[in-house]
Amino acid sequence: MDTLTDEQHRHRFDLYGAVYLLCTRHHSGQASRGYRLLSRLIQAEYRPGLCLQSNRFESEEQRAIYRQLYLLRHTL
């Protein structure tokens, strides 16, 4: 049973989208942490929309989360 509110669903969608963009832009190969994160998103049944597939943000919240995560890109 899914007990998340609509706001929590939107936040999770924005978080997953930001992580997806960060990892697709900055992972360092199939053995990298970023590549493993992309695999985890697939396991969580996350499917990026057309904007993300075109390397564009889908919301301002997603952009803000990405900016925070961008500081960690060297760990991918």
N, C-alpha and C. Protein backbone atom coordinates (compact mmCIF):
# COMPACT_ATOMS: atom_id res chain seq x y z
N MET A 1 0.85 -1.19 0.00
CA MET A 1 0.00 0.00 0.00
C MET A 1 0.89 1.24 0.00
N ASP A 2 0.64 2.13 -0.94
CA ASP A 2 1.43 3.35 -1.08
C ASP A 2 0.82 4.43 -0.18
N THR A 3 1.61 4.92 0.76
CA THR A 3 1.10 5.90 1.72
C THR A 3 1.68 7.28 1.50
N LEU A 4 2.35 7.52 0.39
CA LEU A 4 2.93 8.83 0.11
C LEU A 4 1.84 9.82 -0.31
N THR A 5 1.98 11.07 0.12
CA THR A 5 1.06 12.11 -0.31
C THR A 5 1.43 12.56 -1.73
N ASP A 6 0.56 13.33 -2.34
CA ASP A 6 0.85 13.86 -3.69
C ASP A 6 2.13 14.69 -3.68
N GLU A 7 2.32 15.48 -2.64
CA GLU A 7 3.53 16.31 -2.55
C GLU A 7 4.79 15.45 -2.45
N GLN A 8 4.72 14.37 -1.68
CA GLN A 8 5.86 13.47 -1.55
C GLN A 8 6.15 12.77 -2.88
N HIS A 9 5.10 12.43 -3.63
CA HIS A 9 5.30 11.83 -4.95
C HIS A 9 6.01 12.80 -5.89
N ARG A 10 5.58 14.06 -5.87
CA ARG A 10 6.21 15.07 -6.73
C ARG A 10 7.66 15.27 -6.34
N HIS A 11 7.93 15.32 -5.03
CA HIS A 11 9.32 15.50 -4.59
C HIS A 11 10.18 14.31 -5.02
N ARG A 12 9.66 13.11 -4.87
CA ARG A 12 10.41 11.92 -5.27
C ARG A 12 10.68 11.94 -6.77
N PHE A 13 9.68 12.35 -7.55
CA PHE A 13 9.85 12.45 -9.00
C PHE A 13 10.94 13.46 -9.34
N ASP A 14 10.94 14.61 -8.67
CA ASP A 14 11.97 15.63 -8.91
C ASP A 14 13.34 15.14 -8.47
N LEU A 15 13.41 14.47 -7.33
CA LEU A 15 14.68 13.93 -6.85
C LEU A 15 15.22 12.89 -7.83
N TYR A 16 14.39 11.95 -8.24
CA TYR A 16 14.83 10.92 -9.19
C TYR A 16 15.28 11.55 -10.50
N GLY A 17 14.56 12.56 -10.98
CA GLY A 17 14.93 13.22 -12.22
C GLY A 17 16.28 13.92 -12.11
N ALA A 18 16.51 14.58 -10.99
CA ALA A 18 17.78 15.27 -10.77
C ALA A 18 18.93 14.27 -10.70
N VAL A 19 18.72 13.17 -10.00
CA VAL A 19 19.75 12.13 -9.91
C VAL A 19 20.00 11.52 -11.29
N TYR A 20 18.93 11.29 -12.04
CA TYR A 20 19.07 10.73 -13.40
C TYR A 20 19.96 11.64 -14.26
N LEU A 21 19.65 12.94 -14.27
CA LEU A 21 20.45 13.86 -15.09
C LEU A 21 21.90 13.93 -14.62
N LEU A 22 22.10 14.01 -13.32
CA LEU A 22 23.46 14.07 -12.79
C LEU A 22 24.25 12.84 -13.20
N CYS A 23 23.65 11.68 -13.05
CA CYS A 23 24.36 10.43 -13.34
C CYS A 23 24.60 10.24 -14.84
N THR A 24 23.64 10.61 -15.67
CA THR A 24 23.85 10.46 -17.11
C THR A 24 24.91 11.43 -17.61
N ARG A 25 24.99 12.60 -17.01
CA ARG A 25 25.97 13.59 -17.44
C ARG A 25 27.36 13.33 -16.89
N HIS A 26 27.47 12.74 -15.70
CA HIS A 26 28.76 12.73 -15.01
C HIS A 26 29.26 11.37 -14.54
N HIS A 27 28.59 10.26 -14.88
CA HIS A 27 29.13 8.98 -14.41
C HIS A 27 30.41 8.67 -15.18
N SER A 28 31.25 7.84 -14.60
CA SER A 28 32.55 7.57 -15.20
C SER A 28 32.70 6.12 -15.65
N GLY A 29 31.67 5.60 -16.25
CA GLY A 29 31.74 4.24 -16.79
C GLY A 29 30.85 3.25 -16.06
N GLN A 30 30.76 2.06 -16.62
CA GLN A 30 29.84 1.05 -16.10
C GLN A 30 30.18 0.57 -14.69
N ALA A 31 31.39 0.70 -14.26
CA ALA A 31 31.76 0.27 -12.91
C ALA A 31 31.63 1.41 -11.90
N SER A 32 31.11 2.55 -12.31
CA SER A 32 31.07 3.73 -11.44
C SER A 32 29.83 3.74 -10.55
N ARG A 33 29.90 4.56 -9.52
CA ARG A 33 28.77 4.75 -8.61
C ARG A 33 27.58 5.37 -9.34
N GLY A 34 27.85 6.31 -10.23
CA GLY A 34 26.78 6.95 -11.00
C GLY A 34 26.01 5.96 -11.86
N TYR A 35 26.71 5.04 -12.45
CA TYR A 35 26.07 4.02 -13.28
C TYR A 35 25.22 3.09 -12.40
N ARG A 36 25.72 2.76 -11.22
CA ARG A 36 24.94 1.93 -10.29
C ARG A 36 23.67 2.67 -9.84
N LEU A 37 23.78 3.98 -9.63
CA LEU A 37 22.60 4.77 -9.27
C LEU A 37 21.55 4.75 -10.38
N LEU A 38 22.01 4.83 -11.62
CA LEU A 38 21.07 4.74 -12.75
C LEU A 38 20.36 3.38 -12.74
N SER A 39 21.08 2.33 -12.44
CA SER A 39 20.47 1.00 -12.36
C SER A 39 19.44 0.93 -11.24
N ARG A 40 19.73 1.59 -10.12
CA ARG A 40 18.78 1.61 -8.99
C ARG A 40 17.51 2.36 -9.37
N LEU A 41 17.64 3.41 -10.16
CA LEU A 41 16.45 4.13 -10.62
C LEU A 41 15.57 3.23 -11.47
N ILE A 42 16.18 2.41 -12.30
CA ILE A 42 15.42 1.46 -13.12
C ILE A 42 14.72 0.46 -12.22
N GLN A 43 15.41 -0.03 -11.19
CA GLN A 43 14.80 -0.97 -10.25
C GLN A 43 13.62 -0.34 -9.51
N ALA A 44 13.69 0.96 -9.28
CA ALA A 44 12.60 1.69 -8.62
C ALA A 44 11.49 2.02 -9.61
N GLU A 45 11.62 1.52 -10.83
CA GLU A 45 10.65 1.72 -11.91
C GLU A 45 10.52 3.18 -12.32
N TYR A 46 11.61 3.93 -12.18
CA TYR A 46 11.63 5.31 -12.64
C TYR A 46 11.86 5.33 -14.15
N ARG A 47 11.04 6.08 -14.84
CA ARG A 47 11.18 6.26 -16.29
C ARG A 47 11.24 7.75 -16.58
N PRO A 48 12.38 8.24 -17.07
CA PRO A 48 12.51 9.68 -17.35
C PRO A 48 11.58 10.11 -18.47
N GLY A 49 11.07 11.32 -18.34
CA GLY A 49 10.23 11.88 -19.39
C GLY A 49 11.06 12.36 -20.57
N LEU A 50 10.39 12.84 -21.58
CA LEU A 50 11.07 13.29 -22.79
C LEU A 50 12.02 14.46 -22.53
N CYS A 51 11.63 15.35 -21.63
CA CYS A 51 12.52 16.49 -21.32
C CYS A 51 13.85 15.99 -20.77
N LEU A 52 13.80 15.09 -19.81
CA LEU A 52 15.04 14.57 -19.23
C LEU A 52 15.84 13.79 -20.25
N GLN A 53 15.17 13.04 -21.09
CA GLN A 53 15.88 12.31 -22.13
C GLN A 53 16.55 13.25 -23.11
N SER A 54 16.02 14.47 -23.21
CA SER A 54 16.60 15.51 -24.07
C SER A 54 17.55 16.41 -23.28
N ASN A 55 17.87 15.99 -22.05
CA ASN A 55 18.84 16.70 -21.22
C ASN A 55 18.32 18.05 -20.71
N ARG A 56 17.00 18.13 -20.47
CA ARG A 56 16.37 19.35 -19.94
C ARG A 56 15.61 19.02 -18.67
N PHE A 57 15.52 19.98 -17.77
CA PHE A 57 14.78 19.79 -16.53
C PHE A 57 13.28 19.84 -16.78
N GLU A 58 12.54 19.12 -15.93
CA GLU A 58 11.08 19.09 -16.05
C GLU A 58 10.39 20.02 -15.07
N SER A 59 11.13 20.52 -14.07
CA SER A 59 10.55 21.45 -13.09
C SER A 59 11.67 22.27 -12.45
N GLU A 60 11.27 23.36 -11.83
CA GLU A 60 12.25 24.20 -11.12
C GLU A 60 12.78 23.48 -9.88
N GLU A 61 11.94 22.69 -9.23
CA GLU A 61 12.39 21.91 -8.07
C GLU A 61 13.47 20.92 -8.49
N GLN A 62 13.28 20.31 -9.62
CA GLN A 62 14.27 19.37 -10.15
C GLN A 62 15.60 20.09 -10.40
N ARG A 63 15.53 21.27 -10.96
CA ARG A 63 16.73 22.06 -11.23
C ARG A 63 17.44 22.42 -9.93
N ALA A 64 16.68 22.79 -8.90
CA ALA A 64 17.26 23.16 -7.61
C ALA A 64 17.94 21.96 -6.95
N ILE A 65 17.31 20.81 -7.00
CA ILE A 65 17.91 19.59 -6.44
C ILE A 65 19.18 19.25 -7.21
N TYR A 66 19.13 19.36 -8.53
CA TYR A 66 20.31 19.06 -9.35
C TYR A 66 21.47 19.96 -8.96
N ARG A 67 21.20 21.23 -8.75
CA ARG A 67 22.28 22.17 -8.38
C ARG A 67 22.94 21.76 -7.07
N GLN A 68 22.16 21.26 -6.12
CA GLN A 68 22.73 20.80 -4.85
C GLN A 68 23.55 19.54 -5.07
N LEU A 69 23.03 18.62 -5.86
CA LEU A 69 23.73 17.36 -6.11
C LEU A 69 24.98 17.56 -6.97
N TYR A 70 24.97 18.58 -7.81
CA TYR A 70 26.08 18.84 -8.72
C TYR A 70 27.41 18.98 -7.97
N LEU A 71 27.34 19.48 -6.76
CA LEU A 71 28.55 19.64 -5.94
C LEU A 71 29.18 18.28 -5.62
N LEU A 72 28.40 17.22 -5.72
CA LEU A 72 28.88 15.88 -5.39
C LEU A 72 29.29 15.08 -6.64
N ARG A 73 29.29 15.70 -7.80
CA ARG A 73 29.51 14.99 -9.06
C ARG A 73 30.83 14.24 -9.12
N HIS A 74 31.83 14.75 -8.41
CA HIS A 74 33.15 14.11 -8.43
C HIS A 74 33.13 12.74 -7.74
N THR A 75 32.06 12.44 -6.98
CA THR A 75 31.98 11.14 -6.29
C THR A 75 31.32 10.07 -7.18
N LEU A 76 30.90 10.45 -8.37
CA LEU A 76 30.24 9.49 -9.25
C LEU A 76 31.28 8.73 -10.04
